[in-house]
Amino acid sequence: MSLFTSVRGAIERVGAARRRRRDYDRLNAMDDSQLRDIGLTRGDIMAGFARRRSQFE
């Protein structure tokens, strides 16, 4: 694996982590009524992001 490939992969992982955090923050900013309108609960948000995080550990 080249240095370029390693650096590019690291940058992509950081970008993906930032997008996940932004999405998490946006969903958490919604009130329960808004979440219900899109078929989610606070538990769904936490479970979804916790499951996603464990895939990378």
N, C-alpha and C. Protein backbone atom coordinates (compact mmCIF):
# COMPACT_ATOMS: atom_id res chain seq x y z
N MET A 1 0.85 -1.17 0.00
CA MET A 1 0.00 0.00 0.00
C MET A 1 0.90 1.23 0.00
N SER A 2 0.60 2.13 -0.87
CA SER A 2 1.42 3.33 -0.98
C SER A 2 1.05 4.35 0.10
N LEU A 3 1.94 5.27 0.31
CA LEU A 3 1.70 6.35 1.26
C LEU A 3 0.49 7.16 0.84
N PHE A 4 0.39 7.43 -0.46
CA PHE A 4 -0.74 8.20 -0.97
C PHE A 4 -2.06 7.51 -0.65
N THR A 5 -2.12 6.21 -0.86
CA THR A 5 -3.34 5.44 -0.59
C THR A 5 -3.69 5.48 0.89
N SER A 6 -2.68 5.38 1.74
CA SER A 6 -2.91 5.43 3.19
C SER A 6 -3.45 6.79 3.62
N VAL A 7 -2.86 7.85 3.10
CA VAL A 7 -3.28 9.20 3.46
C VAL A 7 -4.69 9.46 2.93
N ARG A 8 -4.95 9.06 1.70
CA ARG A 8 -6.27 9.26 1.12
C ARG A 8 -7.33 8.51 1.93
N GLY A 9 -7.03 7.29 2.34
CA GLY A 9 -7.96 6.52 3.16
C GLY A 9 -8.24 7.19 4.50
N ALA A 10 -7.19 7.72 5.10
CA ALA A 10 -7.36 8.41 6.39
C ALA A 10 -8.24 9.65 6.23
N ILE A 11 -8.02 10.40 5.17
CA ILE A 11 -8.82 11.60 4.92
C ILE A 11 -10.28 11.23 4.68
N GLU A 12 -10.51 10.15 3.94
CA GLU A 12 -11.88 9.70 3.69
C GLU A 12 -12.57 9.26 4.98
N ARG A 13 -11.84 8.57 5.86
CA ARG A 13 -12.42 8.14 7.14
C ARG A 13 -12.76 9.33 8.02
N VAL A 14 -11.89 10.34 8.03
CA VAL A 14 -12.17 11.55 8.82
C VAL A 14 -13.41 12.25 8.28
N GLY A 15 -13.50 12.35 6.96
CA GLY A 15 -14.67 12.98 6.34
C GLY A 15 -15.95 12.23 6.67
N ALA A 16 -15.90 10.92 6.62
CA ALA A 16 -17.08 10.10 6.93
C ALA A 16 -17.48 10.28 8.39
N ALA A 17 -16.50 10.33 9.27
CA ALA A 17 -16.79 10.52 10.70
C ALA A 17 -17.42 11.88 10.94
N ARG A 18 -16.94 12.89 10.25
CA ARG A 18 -17.52 14.23 10.41
C ARG A 18 -18.95 14.27 9.90
N ARG A 19 -19.24 13.59 8.78
CA ARG A 19 -20.61 13.54 8.26
C ARG A 19 -21.54 12.81 9.22
N ARG A 20 -21.06 11.69 9.80
CA ARG A 20 -21.87 10.96 10.76
C ARG A 20 -22.18 11.83 11.98
N ARG A 21 -21.18 12.56 12.46
CA ARG A 21 -21.38 13.43 13.62
C ARG A 21 -22.38 14.54 13.29
N ARG A 22 -22.28 15.11 12.09
CA ARG A 22 -23.21 16.16 11.67
C ARG A 22 -24.63 15.60 11.61
N ASP A 23 -24.79 14.42 11.04
CA ASP A 23 -26.10 13.80 10.95
C ASP A 23 -26.66 13.51 12.34
N TYR A 24 -25.82 12.99 13.23
CA TYR A 24 -26.23 12.72 14.60
C TYR A 24 -26.71 14.00 15.28
N ASP A 25 -25.94 15.07 15.13
CA ASP A 25 -26.30 16.34 15.76
C ASP A 25 -27.62 16.88 15.20
N ARG A 26 -27.82 16.76 13.89
CA ARG A 26 -29.06 17.24 13.29
C ARG A 26 -30.26 16.45 13.80
N LEU A 27 -30.13 15.13 13.86
CA LEU A 27 -31.23 14.32 14.36
C LEU A 27 -31.50 14.61 15.83
N ASN A 28 -30.46 14.78 16.61
CA ASN A 28 -30.63 15.07 18.04
C ASN A 28 -31.26 16.44 18.27
N ALA A 29 -31.10 17.36 17.33
CA ALA A 29 -31.68 18.69 17.47
C ALA A 29 -33.19 18.68 17.23
N MET A 30 -33.69 17.62 16.60
CA MET A 30 -35.13 17.54 16.34
C MET A 30 -35.88 17.21 17.63
N ASP A 31 -37.12 17.71 17.72
CA ASP A 31 -37.92 17.33 18.88
C ASP A 31 -38.58 15.97 18.61
N ASP A 32 -39.18 15.41 19.65
CA ASP A 32 -39.75 14.06 19.54
C ASP A 32 -40.84 13.98 18.47
N SER A 33 -41.60 15.04 18.31
CA SER A 33 -42.66 15.06 17.31
C SER A 33 -42.08 14.98 15.89
N GLN A 34 -41.02 15.73 15.65
CA GLN A 34 -40.37 15.69 14.34
C GLN A 34 -39.78 14.32 14.07
N LEU A 35 -39.16 13.73 15.08
CA LEU A 35 -38.60 12.39 14.90
C LEU A 35 -39.70 11.38 14.61
N ARG A 36 -40.81 11.49 15.31
CA ARG A 36 -41.93 10.59 15.09
C ARG A 36 -42.46 10.72 13.65
N ASP A 37 -42.46 11.95 13.13
CA ASP A 37 -42.92 12.18 11.76
C ASP A 37 -42.08 11.42 10.73
N ILE A 38 -40.81 11.22 11.02
CA ILE A 38 -39.95 10.49 10.08
C ILE A 38 -39.72 9.05 10.53
N GLY A 39 -40.48 8.63 11.53
CA GLY A 39 -40.45 7.23 11.94
C GLY A 39 -39.29 6.84 12.83
N LEU A 40 -38.76 7.79 13.59
CA LEU A 40 -37.63 7.51 14.47
C LEU A 40 -37.95 7.88 15.91
N THR A 41 -37.19 7.28 16.82
CA THR A 41 -37.21 7.67 18.23
C THR A 41 -35.77 8.04 18.63
N ARG A 42 -35.63 8.62 19.79
CA ARG A 42 -34.27 8.94 20.26
C ARG A 42 -33.45 7.66 20.40
N GLY A 43 -34.10 6.58 20.83
CA GLY A 43 -33.41 5.30 20.96
C GLY A 43 -32.90 4.79 19.62
N ASP A 44 -33.68 5.01 18.56
CA ASP A 44 -33.24 4.60 17.22
C ASP A 44 -31.97 5.33 16.82
N ILE A 45 -31.91 6.61 17.14
CA ILE A 45 -30.74 7.42 16.78
C ILE A 45 -29.51 6.87 17.50
N MET A 46 -29.62 6.70 18.81
CA MET A 46 -28.48 6.22 19.59
C MET A 46 -28.06 4.82 19.14
N ALA A 47 -29.04 3.94 18.93
CA ALA A 47 -28.72 2.57 18.53
C ALA A 47 -28.07 2.54 17.15
N GLY A 48 -28.58 3.32 16.23
CA GLY A 48 -28.03 3.34 14.89
C GLY A 48 -26.60 3.83 14.85
N PHE A 49 -26.32 4.89 15.58
CA PHE A 49 -24.97 5.42 15.57
C PHE A 49 -24.01 4.56 16.40
N ALA A 50 -24.49 3.94 17.46
CA ALA A 50 -23.65 3.05 18.24
C ALA A 50 -23.28 1.82 17.42
N ARG A 51 -24.24 1.29 16.66
CA ARG A 51 -23.99 0.12 15.82
C ARG A 51 -22.98 0.48 14.73
N ARG A 52 -23.13 1.63 14.15
CA ARG A 52 -22.21 2.08 13.09
C ARG A 52 -20.80 2.24 13.64
N ARG A 53 -20.66 2.80 14.83
CA ARG A 53 -19.37 3.01 15.43
C ARG A 53 -18.67 1.68 15.72
N SER A 54 -19.44 0.69 16.19
CA SER A 54 -18.84 -0.59 16.52
C SER A 54 -18.31 -1.32 15.30
N GLN A 55 -18.79 -0.99 14.13
CA GLN A 55 -18.29 -1.62 12.90
C GLN A 55 -16.84 -1.22 12.63
N PHE A 56 -16.41 -0.09 13.17
CA PHE A 56 -15.07 0.41 12.88
C PHE A 56 -14.09 0.14 14.00
N GLU A 57 -14.54 -0.46 15.08
CA GLU A 57 -13.64 -0.70 16.21
C GLU A 57 -13.05 -2.09 16.14
